[in-house]
Amino acid sequence: PWQSQTTASINAEYMGIYLSNIIGSDGCKMIFEALRSNFHLEILNVSANNIGPEGLDTLSDVLTENFTMKALSLNENPLEAMGAMYLAETIERSLSLGFLEINNTNVGPEGACLLAEALKLAPSLMYLEYAHNHIGDDGAEYFADTLLNKSVLTYLDLWQNDIGDAGAAELGTRA
């Protein structure tokens, strides 16, 4: 198991890191802090690591300082609405993030609202996978509004989000 007193140092010029070891928020916080000074990292996949809102808060801080990050995958982490808030802040400030996967993260309609609003201001995000997050018709309406007001986003995956006829109609009329 990951020990909280362990220090992490990542000095190599990595282009991408793929980490899926269920190391939790504490372990990820240490890795994220070590990445703070790595300006070569373009891809970070930390799916299925049990990262909660606390770990995402640290990642958000690091990513706003990293101007080379192009792709981020946070699938299957319990981000919830609070994590969506931290992620929304990152999306708004990132000048390089173009690809984001946040499938099955339990953010719900409240998180969908935060992320959809952030997408309106995101200067570079073109690809968003946001499946299995139970956003319902309300969440679909938030994203529909974003699609109407966001020219950079070219791909949005809302598969398996409990979207009914009303939400589908909103997406269809505004997309």
Protein backbone atom coordinates (compact mmCIF):
# COMPACT_ATOMS: atom_id res chain seq x y z
CA PRO A 1 0.00 0.00 0.00
CA TRP A 2 0.96 3.59 -0.62
CA GLN A 3 2.51 5.14 2.50
CA SER A 4 1.57 8.75 3.21
CA GLN A 5 5.04 9.53 4.57
CA THR A 6 6.67 8.45 1.31
CA THR A 7 7.94 11.30 -0.83
CA ALA A 8 7.61 11.26 -4.57
CA SER A 9 9.95 12.82 -7.07
CA ILE A 10 9.44 12.74 -10.80
CA ASN A 11 12.25 14.43 -12.68
CA ALA A 12 12.29 12.63 -16.00
CA GLU A 13 10.85 14.20 -19.12
CA TYR A 14 7.72 12.05 -19.38
CA MET A 15 5.28 12.65 -22.17
CA GLY A 16 2.58 10.53 -20.53
CA ILE A 17 1.81 8.76 -17.28
CA TYR A 18 -0.76 5.97 -17.00
CA LEU A 19 -1.50 5.01 -13.43
CA SER A 20 -4.37 2.76 -12.40
CA ASN A 21 -3.45 1.24 -9.07
CA ILE A 22 -6.18 2.35 -6.64
CA ILE A 23 -3.67 4.37 -4.64
CA GLY A 24 -6.29 6.78 -3.31
CA SER A 25 -6.37 10.53 -2.84
CA ASP A 26 -3.34 10.64 -0.53
CA GLY A 27 -1.12 8.71 -2.90
CA CYS A 28 -2.30 10.71 -5.88
CA LYS A 29 -1.73 13.98 -4.03
CA MET A 30 1.92 13.01 -3.59
CA ILE A 31 2.27 12.12 -7.26
CA PHE A 32 0.51 15.31 -8.33
CA GLU A 33 2.83 17.41 -6.14
CA ALA A 34 5.83 15.68 -7.73
CA LEU A 35 4.43 16.57 -11.16
CA ARG A 36 4.17 20.25 -10.25
CA SER A 37 7.57 21.01 -11.79
CA ASN A 38 7.28 18.62 -14.75
CA PHE A 39 6.58 20.79 -17.78
CA HIS A 40 6.92 17.96 -20.31
CA LEU A 41 3.93 15.88 -19.25
CA GLU A 42 1.22 15.92 -21.93
CA ILE A 43 -0.95 12.94 -20.95
CA LEU A 44 -2.08 11.90 -17.48
CA ASN A 45 -4.35 8.91 -16.97
CA VAL A 46 -5.22 8.32 -13.32
CA SER A 47 -8.40 6.35 -13.87
CA ALA A 48 -9.62 3.94 -11.19
CA ASN A 49 -7.41 5.26 -8.39
CA ASN A 50 -10.12 6.12 -5.87
CA ILE A 51 -9.32 9.82 -6.21
CA GLY A 52 -11.91 11.86 -4.38
CA PRO A 53 -12.47 15.61 -4.26
CA GLU A 54 -9.42 16.15 -2.01
CA GLY A 55 -7.05 14.57 -4.51
CA LEU A 56 -8.65 16.47 -7.35
CA ASP A 57 -8.14 19.74 -5.48
CA THR A 58 -4.38 19.10 -5.53
CA LEU A 59 -4.46 18.01 -9.17
CA SER A 60 -6.36 21.16 -10.09
CA ASP A 61 -3.66 23.33 -8.53
CA VAL A 62 -0.92 21.45 -10.38
CA LEU A 63 -2.69 21.53 -13.75
CA THR A 64 -3.19 25.27 -13.66
CA GLU A 65 0.61 25.55 -13.51
CA ASN A 66 1.23 22.94 -16.22
CA PHE A 67 0.95 24.49 -19.66
CA THR A 68 1.71 21.30 -21.61
CA MET A 69 -1.05 18.96 -20.36
CA LYS A 70 -3.14 17.99 -23.37
CA ALA A 71 -5.07 14.93 -22.16
CA LEU A 72 -6.46 13.94 -18.77
CA SER A 73 -8.37 10.80 -17.86
CA LEU A 74 -10.12 10.56 -14.48
CA ASN A 75 -12.54 7.72 -15.22
CA GLU A 76 -13.99 5.64 -12.38
CA ASN A 77 -12.93 7.92 -9.53
CA PRO A 78 -15.48 9.12 -6.92
CA LEU A 79 -15.17 12.80 -7.84
CA GLU A 80 -18.77 13.74 -6.97
CA ALA A 81 -20.02 17.33 -7.25
CA MET A 82 -17.20 18.77 -5.11
CA GLY A 83 -14.60 17.21 -7.40
CA ALA A 84 -16.49 18.62 -10.38
CA MET A 85 -16.08 22.08 -8.85
CA TYR A 86 -12.28 21.67 -8.72
CA LEU A 87 -12.23 20.24 -12.22
CA ALA A 88 -14.35 23.14 -13.51
CA GLU A 89 -11.77 25.60 -12.17
CA THR A 90 -9.04 23.68 -13.99
CA ILE A 91 -10.95 23.58 -17.28
CA GLU A 92 -11.54 27.32 -17.20
CA ARG A 93 -7.85 28.13 -16.65
CA SER A 94 -6.10 25.49 -18.76
CA LEU A 95 -4.68 26.79 -22.02
CA SER A 96 -3.59 23.38 -23.32
CA LEU A 97 -6.08 20.73 -22.11
CA GLY A 98 -7.88 19.47 -25.19
CA PHE A 99 -9.01 15.96 -24.18
CA LEU A 100 -10.83 15.03 -20.97
CA GLU A 101 -12.39 11.74 -19.87
CA ILE A 102 -14.51 11.77 -16.72
CA ASN A 103 -16.71 8.72 -17.15
CA ASN A 104 -18.40 7.03 -14.19
CA THR A 105 -17.36 9.63 -11.60
CA ASN A 106 -20.71 10.14 -9.86
CA VAL A 107 -20.87 13.91 -10.33
CA GLY A 108 -24.62 14.00 -11.01
CA PRO A 109 -26.63 17.00 -12.27
CA GLU A 110 -24.96 19.48 -9.88
CA GLY A 111 -21.52 18.56 -11.17
CA ALA A 112 -22.82 18.67 -14.73
CA CYS A 113 -23.93 22.26 -14.18
CA LEU A 114 -20.48 23.27 -12.90
CA LEU A 115 -18.64 21.55 -15.75
CA ALA A 116 -21.00 22.81 -18.44
CA GLU A 117 -20.51 26.40 -17.26
CA ALA A 118 -16.73 25.91 -17.22
CA LEU A 119 -16.81 24.58 -20.78
CA LYS A 120 -18.19 27.90 -21.99
CA LEU A 121 -14.97 29.54 -20.84
CA ALA A 122 -12.55 26.72 -21.69
CA PRO A 123 -10.14 27.99 -24.32
CA SER A 124 -8.89 24.61 -25.57
CA LEU A 125 -11.11 21.68 -24.54
CA MET A 126 -12.35 20.00 -27.72
CA TYR A 127 -13.12 16.44 -26.56
CA LEU A 128 -15.14 15.45 -23.50
CA GLU A 129 -16.26 11.96 -22.50
CA TYR A 130 -18.81 12.25 -19.71
CA ALA A 131 -20.67 8.92 -19.66
CA HIS A 132 -22.28 7.12 -16.71
CA ASN A 133 -22.61 10.18 -14.45
CA HIS A 134 -26.39 10.16 -13.85
CA ILE A 135 -26.91 13.75 -14.98
CA GLY A 136 -30.51 13.24 -16.10
CA ASP A 137 -32.53 15.77 -18.08
CA ASP A 138 -31.27 18.68 -15.99
CA GLY A 139 -27.65 17.87 -16.75
CA ALA A 140 -28.46 17.41 -20.43
CA GLU A 141 -30.00 20.88 -20.49
CA TYR A 142 -26.82 22.38 -19.00
CA PHE A 143 -24.72 20.76 -21.70
CA ALA A 144 -27.19 21.73 -24.41
CA ASP A 145 -26.77 25.35 -23.42
CA THR A 146 -23.00 24.92 -23.53
CA LEU A 147 -23.13 23.44 -27.02
CA LEU A 148 -25.06 26.47 -28.16
CA ASN A 149 -22.45 28.84 -26.73
CA LYS A 150 -19.21 26.88 -27.16
CA SER A 151 -17.50 26.72 -30.53
CA VAL A 152 -14.29 24.89 -29.52
CA LEU A 153 -15.93 21.69 -28.17
CA THR A 154 -16.27 19.25 -31.07
CA TYR A 155 -16.99 15.95 -29.26
CA LEU A 156 -19.26 15.32 -26.28
CA ASP A 157 -20.14 11.81 -25.06
CA LEU A 158 -23.13 11.72 -22.69
CA TRP A 159 -23.86 7.99 -23.02
CA GLN A 160 -25.71 6.24 -20.18
CA ASN A 161 -26.59 9.37 -18.18
CA ASP A 162 -30.29 8.76 -17.47
CA ILE A 163 -31.26 11.34 -20.07
CA GLY A 164 -34.93 11.11 -20.99
CA ASP A 165 -36.94 12.53 -23.86
CA ALA A 166 -36.91 16.08 -22.48
CA GLY A 167 -33.12 16.12 -22.11
CA ALA A 168 -32.63 14.57 -25.55
CA ALA A 169 -34.92 17.20 -27.07
CA GLU A 170 -32.86 19.98 -25.43
CA LEU A 171 -29.65 18.51 -26.79
CA GLY A 172 -31.20 18.05 -30.24
CA THR A 173 -32.50 21.59 -30.55
CA ARG A 174 -29.37 23.33 -29.27
CA ALA A 175 -26.59 21.22 -30.72
